[in-house]
Amino acid sequence: MPRLDVREIPPAERHPKIFDLFEEMDAGETLEIVNDHDPKPLFYQMQAEVPAFDAENYRVERTAPTEFVARFPKKSTQSP
């Protein structure tokens, strides 16, 4: 499972890096992102702009006061 800790990445660079990494993944893989806040804006952006994003199976867990682990799955098969 690809994992990316974005807490040390400048905010303006986070989403482009995440989108690039997600694009490189194979169908059925899940991108795990570690962040200092709930990445709800990223979820909504992915849901609106990335057809391969499996929003139904998205999960986020708060693992510490300033640590959130979000799982962004890529659909197993692409719809036409």
PDB file of N, CA and C in Angstrom:
ATOM      1  N   MET A   1       0.856  -1.176   0.000  1.00  0.00           N
ATOM      2  CA  MET A   1       0.000   0.000   0.000  1.00  0.00           C
ATOM      3  C   MET A   1       0.898   1.234   0.000  1.00  0.00           C
ATOM      4  N   PRO A   2       0.785   2.067  -1.026  1.00  0.00           N
ATOM      5  CA  PRO A   2       1.555   3.310  -1.025  1.00  0.00           C
ATOM      6  C   PRO A   2       1.150   4.181   0.162  1.00  0.00           C
ATOM      7  N   ARG A   3       2.134   4.796   0.800  1.00  0.00           N
ATOM      8  CA  ARG A   3       1.884   5.634   1.981  1.00  0.00           C
ATOM      9  C   ARG A   3       2.633   6.950   1.802  1.00  0.00           C
ATOM     10  N   LEU A   4       1.951   8.041   2.116  1.00  0.00           N
ATOM     11  CA  LEU A   4       2.545   9.367   1.965  1.00  0.00           C
ATOM     12  C   LEU A   4       2.228  10.195   3.202  1.00  0.00           C
ATOM     13  N   ASP A   5       3.273  10.654   3.884  1.00  0.00           N
ATOM     14  CA  ASP A   5       3.116  11.543   5.029  1.00  0.00           C
ATOM     15  C   ASP A   5       3.265  12.963   4.501  1.00  0.00           C
ATOM     16  N   VAL A   6       2.161  13.702   4.476  1.00  0.00           N
ATOM     17  CA  VAL A   6       2.177  15.045   3.868  1.00  0.00           C
ATOM     18  C   VAL A   6       2.435  16.159   4.878  1.00  0.00           C
ATOM     19  N   ARG A   7       2.641  15.807   6.134  1.00  0.00           N
ATOM     20  CA  ARG A   7       2.790  16.835   7.167  1.00  0.00           C
ATOM     21  C   ARG A   7       4.000  17.736   6.954  1.00  0.00           C
ATOM     22  N   GLU A   8       5.034  17.242   6.294  1.00  0.00           N
ATOM     23  CA  GLU A   8       6.233  18.056   6.057  1.00  0.00           C
ATOM     24  C   GLU A   8       6.257  18.664   4.654  1.00  0.00           C
ATOM     25  N   ILE A   9       5.234  18.411   3.867  1.00  0.00           N
ATOM     26  CA  ILE A   9       5.152  18.953   2.502  1.00  0.00           C
ATOM     27  C   ILE A   9       4.428  20.287   2.567  1.00  0.00           C
ATOM     28  N   PRO A  10       4.948  21.331   1.909  1.00  0.00           N
ATOM     29  CA  PRO A  10       4.242  22.616   1.913  1.00  0.00           C
ATOM     30  C   PRO A  10       2.811  22.438   1.394  1.00  0.00           C
ATOM     31  N   PRO A  11       1.835  23.103   2.039  1.00  0.00           N
ATOM     32  CA  PRO A  11       0.426  22.920   1.666  1.00  0.00           C
ATOM     33  C   PRO A  11       0.132  23.065   0.176  1.00  0.00           C
ATOM     34  N   ALA A  12       0.751  24.001  -0.498  1.00  0.00           N
ATOM     35  CA  ALA A  12       0.480  24.209  -1.928  1.00  0.00           C
ATOM     36  C   ALA A  12       0.934  23.032  -2.786  1.00  0.00           C
ATOM     37  N   GLU A  13       1.830  22.208  -2.264  1.00  0.00           N
ATOM     38  CA  GLU A  13       2.366  21.077  -3.031  1.00  0.00           C
ATOM     39  C   GLU A  13       1.678  19.751  -2.701  1.00  0.00           C
ATOM     40  N   ARG A  14       0.868  19.736  -1.648  1.00  0.00           N
ATOM     41  CA  ARG A  14       0.289  18.469  -1.185  1.00  0.00           C
ATOM     42  C   ARG A  14      -0.646  17.815  -2.193  1.00  0.00           C
ATOM     43  N   HIS A  15      -1.693  18.524  -2.613  1.00  0.00           N
ATOM     44  CA  HIS A  15      -2.685  17.914  -3.502  1.00  0.00           C
ATOM     45  C   HIS A  15      -2.074  17.469  -4.826  1.00  0.00           C
ATOM     46  N   PRO A  16      -1.241  18.303  -5.491  1.00  0.00           N
ATOM     47  CA  PRO A  16      -0.637  17.814  -6.744  1.00  0.00           C
ATOM     48  C   PRO A  16       0.176  16.534  -6.540  1.00  0.00           C
ATOM     49  N   LYS A  17       0.928  16.441  -5.449  1.00  0.00           N
ATOM     50  CA  LYS A  17       1.728  15.247  -5.179  1.00  0.00           C
ATOM     51  C   LYS A  17       0.826  14.038  -4.948  1.00  0.00           C
ATOM     52  N   ILE A  18      -0.249  14.233  -4.198  1.00  0.00           N
ATOM     53  CA  ILE A  18      -1.200  13.152  -3.923  1.00  0.00           C
ATOM     54  C   ILE A  18      -1.857  12.679  -5.221  1.00  0.00           C
ATOM     55  N   PHE A  19      -2.301  13.620  -6.041  1.00  0.00           N
ATOM     56  CA  PHE A  19      -2.955  13.264  -7.295  1.00  0.00           C
ATOM     57  C   PHE A  19      -2.000  12.501  -8.213  1.00  0.00           C
ATOM     58  N   ASP A  20      -0.738  12.936  -8.288  1.00  0.00           N
ATOM     59  CA  ASP A  20       0.246  12.245  -9.123  1.00  0.00           C
ATOM     60  C   ASP A  20       0.472  10.818  -8.636  1.00  0.00           C
ATOM     61  N   LEU A  21       0.626  10.652  -7.337  1.00  0.00           N
ATOM     62  CA  LEU A  21       0.853   9.324  -6.780  1.00  0.00           C
ATOM     63  C   LEU A  21      -0.364   8.424  -7.001  1.00  0.00           C
ATOM     64  N   PHE A  22      -1.554   8.964  -6.805  1.00  0.00           N
ATOM     65  CA  PHE A  22      -2.776   8.191  -7.016  1.00  0.00           C
ATOM     66  C   PHE A  22      -2.877   7.741  -8.470  1.00  0.00           C
ATOM     67  N   GLU A  23      -2.531   8.628  -9.387  1.00  0.00           N
ATOM     68  CA  GLU A  23      -2.592   8.309 -10.818  1.00  0.00           C
ATOM     69  C   GLU A  23      -1.652   7.151 -11.164  1.00  0.00           C
ATOM     70  N   GLU A  24      -0.509   7.081 -10.513  1.00  0.00           N
ATOM     71  CA  GLU A  24       0.491   6.044 -10.794  1.00  0.00           C
ATOM     72  C   GLU A  24       0.114   4.673 -10.230  1.00  0.00           C
ATOM     73  N   MET A  25      -0.828   4.633  -9.306  1.00  0.00           N
ATOM     74  CA  MET A  25      -1.204   3.369  -8.674  1.00  0.00           C
ATOM     75  C   MET A  25      -1.975   2.466  -9.630  1.00  0.00           C
ATOM     76  N   ASP A  26      -1.903   1.180  -9.340  1.00  0.00           N
ATOM     77  CA  ASP A  26      -2.681   0.207 -10.098  1.00  0.00           C
ATOM     78  C   ASP A  26      -4.108   0.171  -9.571  1.00  0.00           C
ATOM     79  N   ALA A  27      -5.033  -0.267 -10.409  1.00  0.00           N
ATOM     80  CA  ALA A  27      -6.424  -0.452  -9.979  1.00  0.00           C
ATOM     81  C   ALA A  27      -6.446  -1.405  -8.797  1.00  0.00           C
ATOM     82  N   GLY A  28      -7.276  -1.087  -7.800  1.00  0.00           N
ATOM     83  CA  GLY A  28      -7.406  -1.928  -6.626  1.00  0.00           C
ATOM     84  C   GLY A  28      -6.467  -1.579  -5.485  1.00  0.00           C
ATOM     85  N   GLU A  29      -5.474  -0.728  -5.738  1.00  0.00           N
ATOM     86  CA  GLU A  29      -4.563  -0.307  -4.673  1.00  0.00           C
ATOM     87  C   GLU A  29      -5.196   0.804  -3.840  1.00  0.00           C
ATOM     88  N   THR A  30      -4.650   1.013  -2.652  1.00  0.00           N
ATOM     89  CA  THR A  30      -5.128   2.066  -1.762  1.00  0.00           C
ATOM     90  C   THR A  30      -3.963   2.955  -1.369  1.00  0.00           C
ATOM     91  N   LEU A  31      -4.160   4.252  -1.490  1.00  0.00           N
ATOM     92  CA  LEU A  31      -3.161   5.230  -1.066  1.00  0.00           C
ATOM     93  C   LEU A  31      -3.463   5.630   0.370  1.00  0.00           C
ATOM     94  N   GLU A  32      -2.479   5.472   1.234  1.00  0.00           N
ATOM     95  CA  GLU A  32      -2.626   5.857   2.633  1.00  0.00           C
ATOM     96  C   GLU A  32      -1.899   7.189   2.836  1.00  0.00           C
ATOM     97  N   ILE A  33      -2.632   8.158   3.348  1.00  0.00           N
ATOM     98  CA  ILE A  33      -2.084   9.495   3.562  1.00  0.00           C
ATOM     99  C   ILE A  33      -2.105   9.812   5.051  1.00  0.00           C
ATOM    100  N   VAL A  34      -0.988  10.320   5.557  1.00  0.00           N
ATOM    101  CA  VAL A  34      -0.899  10.763   6.939  1.00  0.00           C
ATOM    102  C   VAL A  34      -0.894  12.285   6.919  1.00  0.00           C
ATOM    103  N   ASN A  35      -1.784  12.884   7.705  1.00  0.00           N
ATOM    104  CA  ASN A  35      -1.941  14.335   7.691  1.00  0.00           C
ATOM    105  C   ASN A  35      -2.146  14.835   9.121  1.00  0.00           C
ATOM    106  N   ASP A  36      -2.039  16.143   9.302  1.00  0.00           N
ATOM    107  CA  ASP A  36      -2.232  16.732  10.633  1.00  0.00           C
ATOM    108  C   ASP A  36      -3.672  17.180  10.866  1.00  0.00           C
ATOM    109  N   HIS A  37      -4.537  16.967   9.874  1.00  0.00           N
ATOM    110  CA  HIS A  37      -5.952  17.307  10.002  1.00  0.00           C
ATOM    111  C   HIS A  37      -6.769  16.338   9.144  1.00  0.00           C
ATOM    112  N   ASP A  38      -8.059  16.301   9.375  1.00  0.00           N
ATOM    113  CA  ASP A  38      -8.951  15.460   8.576  1.00  0.00           C
ATOM    114  C   ASP A  38      -8.934  15.980   7.140  1.00  0.00           C
ATOM    115  N   PRO A  39      -8.543  15.145   6.178  1.00  0.00           N
ATOM    116  CA  PRO A  39      -8.415  15.609   4.796  1.00  0.00           C
ATOM    117  C   PRO A  39      -9.739  15.638   4.029  1.00  0.00           C
ATOM    118  N   LYS A  40     -10.800  16.130   4.656  1.00  0.00           N
ATOM    119  CA  LYS A  40     -12.118  16.162   4.013  1.00  0.00           C
ATOM    120  C   LYS A  40     -12.116  16.969   2.711  1.00  0.00           C
ATOM    121  N   PRO A  41     -11.443  18.139   2.649  1.00  0.00           N
ATOM    122  CA  PRO A  41     -11.414  18.867   1.358  1.00  0.00           C
ATOM    123  C   PRO A  41     -10.786  18.039   0.231  1.00  0.00           C
ATOM    124  N   LEU A  42      -9.750  17.273   0.561  1.00  0.00           N
ATOM    125  CA  LEU A  42      -9.131  16.406  -0.440  1.00  0.00           C
ATOM    126  C   LEU A  42     -10.113  15.321  -0.871  1.00  0.00           C
ATOM    127  N   PHE A  43     -10.840  14.747   0.079  1.00  0.00           N
ATOM    128  CA  PHE A  43     -11.854  13.744  -0.253  1.00  0.00           C
ATOM    129  C   PHE A  43     -12.851  14.306  -1.265  1.00  0.00           C
ATOM    130  N   TYR A  44     -13.377  15.503  -0.994  1.00  0.00           N
ATOM    131  CA  TYR A  44     -14.369  16.097  -1.904  1.00  0.00           C
ATOM    132  C   TYR A  44     -13.766  16.397  -3.268  1.00  0.00           C
ATOM    133  N   GLN A  45     -12.529  16.854  -3.299  1.00  0.00           N
ATOM    134  CA  GLN A  45     -11.871  17.131  -4.575  1.00  0.00           C
ATOM    135  C   GLN A  45     -11.664  15.838  -5.364  1.00  0.00           C
ATOM    136  N   MET A  46     -11.194  14.794  -4.691  1.00  0.00           N
ATOM    137  CA  MET A  46     -10.993  13.507  -5.368  1.00  0.00           C
ATOM    138  C   MET A  46     -12.328  12.965  -5.886  1.00  0.00           C
ATOM    139  N   GLN A  47     -13.363  13.066  -5.059  1.00  0.00           N
ATOM    140  CA  GLN A  47     -14.685  12.569  -5.443  1.00  0.00           C
ATOM    141  C   GLN A  47     -15.194  13.283  -6.694  1.00  0.00           C
ATOM    142  N   ALA A  48     -14.940  14.570  -6.804  1.00  0.00           N
ATOM    143  CA  ALA A  48     -15.432  15.361  -7.927  1.00  0.00           C
ATOM    144  C   ALA A  48     -14.578  15.222  -9.185  1.00  0.00           C
ATOM    145  N   GLU A  49     -13.276  15.001  -9.024  1.00  0.00           N
ATOM    146  CA  GLU A  49     -12.373  15.096 -10.171  1.00  0.00           C
ATOM    147  C   GLU A  49     -11.713  13.799 -10.617  1.00  0.00           C
ATOM    148  N   VAL A  50     -11.771  12.755  -9.801  1.00  0.00           N
ATOM    149  CA  VAL A  50     -11.028  11.529 -10.119  1.00  0.00           C
ATOM    150  C   VAL A  50     -12.000  10.348 -10.224  1.00  0.00           C
ATOM    151  N   PRO A  51     -12.383   9.982 -11.447  1.00  0.00           N
ATOM    152  CA  PRO A  51     -13.338   8.883 -11.627  1.00  0.00           C
ATOM    153  C   PRO A  51     -12.858   7.559 -11.038  1.00  0.00           C
ATOM    154  N   ALA A  52     -11.548   7.342 -10.949  1.00  0.00           N
ATOM    155  CA  ALA A  52     -11.008   6.080 -10.435  1.00  0.00           C
ATOM    156  C   ALA A  52     -11.036   6.002  -8.912  1.00  0.00           C
ATOM    157  N   PHE A  53     -11.347   7.096  -8.232  1.00  0.00           N
ATOM    158  CA  PHE A  53     -11.388   7.116  -6.766  1.00  0.00           C
ATOM    159  C   PHE A  53     -12.637   6.396  -6.276  1.00  0.00           C
ATOM    160  N   ASP A  54     -12.446   5.422  -5.383  1.00  0.00           N
ATOM    161  CA  ASP A  54     -13.540   4.647  -4.811  1.00  0.00           C
ATOM    162  C   ASP A  54     -14.000   5.328  -3.517  1.00  0.00           C
ATOM    163  N   ALA A  55     -14.832   6.350  -3.647  1.00  0.00           N
ATOM    164  CA  ALA A  55     -15.268   7.152  -2.502  1.00  0.00           C
ATOM    165  C   ALA A  55     -16.038   6.337  -1.468  1.00  0.00           C
ATOM    166  N   GLU A  56     -16.735   5.311  -1.905  1.00  0.00           N
ATOM    167  CA  GLU A  56     -17.520   4.496  -0.969  1.00  0.00           C
ATOM    168  C   GLU A  56     -16.646   3.752   0.036  1.00  0.00           C
ATOM    169  N   ASN A  57     -15.425   3.461  -0.334  1.00  0.00           N
ATOM    170  CA  ASN A  57     -14.530   2.711   0.552  1.00  0.00           C
ATOM    171  C   ASN A  57     -13.442   3.578   1.189  1.00  0.00           C
ATOM    172  N   TYR A  58     -13.575   4.891   1.068  1.00  0.00           N
ATOM    173  CA  TYR A  58     -12.664   5.835   1.723  1.00  0.00           C
ATOM    174  C   TYR A  58     -12.815   5.699   3.234  1.00  0.00           C
ATOM    175  N   ARG A  59     -11.701   5.740   3.938  1.00  0.00           N
ATOM    176  CA  ARG A  59     -11.714   5.665   5.399  1.00  0.00           C
ATOM    177  C   ARG A  59     -10.709   6.663   5.953  1.00  0.00           C
ATOM    178  N   VAL A  60     -11.038   7.240   7.103  1.00  0.00           N
ATOM    179  CA  VAL A  60     -10.095   8.113   7.805  1.00  0.00           C
ATOM    180  C   VAL A  60     -10.165   7.784   9.287  1.00  0.00           C
ATOM    181  N   GLU A  61      -9.012   7.786   9.923  1.00  0.00           N
ATOM    182  CA  GLU A  61      -8.926   7.469  11.347  1.00  0.00           C
ATOM    183  C   GLU A  61      -8.001   8.473  12.022  1.00  0.00           C
ATOM    184  N   ARG A  62      -8.450   9.010  13.125  1.00  0.00           N
ATOM    185  CA  ARG A  62      -7.598   9.900  13.920  1.00  0.00           C
ATOM    186  C   ARG A  62      -6.761   9.006  14.832  1.00  0.00           C
ATOM    187  N   THR A  63      -5.447   8.993  14.618  1.00  0.00           N
ATOM    188  CA  THR A  63      -4.575   8.100  15.370  1.00  0.00           C
ATOM    189  C   THR A  63      -3.831   8.809  16.490  1.00  0.00           C
ATOM    190  N   ALA A  64      -3.871  10.141  16.500  1.00  0.00           N
ATOM    191  CA  ALA A  64      -3.254  10.971  17.538  1.00  0.00           C
ATOM    192  C   ALA A  64      -3.906  12.342  17.440  1.00  0.00           C
ATOM    193  N   PRO A  65      -3.697  13.209  18.435  1.00  0.00           N
ATOM    194  CA  PRO A  65      -4.335  14.537  18.366  1.00  0.00           C
ATOM    195  C   PRO A  65      -4.048  15.310  17.073  1.00  0.00           C
ATOM    196  N   THR A  66      -2.860  15.147  16.517  1.00  0.00           N
ATOM    197  CA  THR A  66      -2.532  15.852  15.272  1.00  0.00           C
ATOM    198  C   THR A  66      -2.095  14.873  14.183  1.00  0.00           C
ATOM    199  N   GLU A  67      -2.706  13.688  14.176  1.00  0.00           N
ATOM    200  CA  GLU A  67      -2.385  12.707  13.137  1.00  0.00           C
ATOM    201  C   GLU A  67      -3.653  12.006  12.671  1.00  0.00           C
ATOM    202  N   PHE A  68      -3.908  12.131  11.393  1.00  0.00           N
ATOM    203  CA  PHE A  68      -5.030  11.466  10.741  1.00  0.00           C
ATOM    204  C   PHE A  68      -4.464  10.574   9.641  1.00  0.00           C
ATOM    205  N   VAL A  69      -4.958   9.355   9.565  1.00  0.00           N
ATOM    206  CA  VAL A  69      -4.558   8.433   8.507  1.00  0.00           C
ATOM    207  C   VAL A  69      -5.786   8.194   7.640  1.00  0.00           C
ATOM    208  N   ALA A  70      -5.668   8.584   6.380  1.00  0.00           N
ATOM    209  CA  ALA A  70      -6.781   8.442   5.432  1.00  0.00           C
ATOM    210  C   ALA A  70      -6.396   7.440   4.358  1.00  0.00           C
ATOM    211  N   ARG A  71      -7.365   6.623   3.973  1.00  0.00           N
ATOM    212  CA  ARG A  71      -7.137   5.622   2.927  1.00  0.00           C
ATOM    213  C   ARG A  71      -8.012   5.957   1.721  1.00  0.00           C
ATOM    214  N   PHE A  72      -7.321   6.216   0.613  1.00  0.00           N
ATOM    215  CA  PHE A  72      -7.969   6.589  -0.641  1.00  0.00           C
ATOM    216  C   PHE A  72      -7.837   5.416  -1.618  1.00  0.00           C
ATOM    217  N   PRO A  73      -8.866   4.556  -1.723  1.00  0.00           N
ATOM    218  CA  PRO A  73      -8.765   3.403  -2.615  1.00  0.00           C
ATOM    219  C   PRO A  73      -9.042   3.771  -4.080  1.00  0.00           C
ATOM    220  N   LYS A  74      -8.369   3.045  -4.938  1.00  0.00           N
ATOM    221  CA  LYS A  74      -8.594   3.177  -6.374  1.00  0.00           C
ATOM    222  C   LYS A  74      -9.491   2.018  -6.781  1.00  0.00           C
ATOM    223  N   LYS A  75     -10.495   2.316  -7.583  1.00  0.00           N
ATOM    224  CA  LYS A  75     -11.439   1.280  -8.018  1.00  0.00           C
ATOM    225  C   LYS A  75     -10.694   0.122  -8.660  1.00  0.00           C
ATOM    226  N   SER A  76     -11.216  -1.078  -8.425  1.00  0.00           N
ATOM    227  CA  SER A  76     -10.605  -2.284  -8.994  1.00  0.00           C
ATOM    228  C   SER A  76     -10.731  -2.326 -10.505  1.00  0.00           C
ATOM    229  N   THR A  77     -11.865  -1.865 -11.008  1.00  0.00           N
ATOM    230  CA  THR A  77     -12.068  -1.816 -12.447  1.00  0.00           C
ATOM    231  C   THR A  77     -12.599  -0.431 -12.793  1.00  0.00           C
ATOM    232  N   GLN A  78     -12.212   0.036 -13.947  1.00  0.00           N
ATOM    233  CA  GLN A  78     -12.640   1.360 -14.389  1.00  0.00           C
ATOM    234  C   GLN A  78     -13.934   1.248 -15.177  1.00  0.00           C
ATOM    235  N   SER A  79     -14.870   2.112 -14.878  1.00  0.00           N
ATOM    236  CA  SER A  79     -16.109   2.147 -15.638  1.00  0.00           C
ATOM    237  C   SER A  79     -15.883   2.913 -16.928  1.00  0.00           C
ATOM    238  N   PRO A  80     -16.570   2.521 -18.013  1.00  0.00           N
ATOM    239  CA  PRO A  80     -16.373   3.239 -19.290  1.00  0.00           C
ATOM    240  C   PRO A  80     -16.878   4.655 -19.231  1.00  0.00           C
TER     241      PRO A  80
END
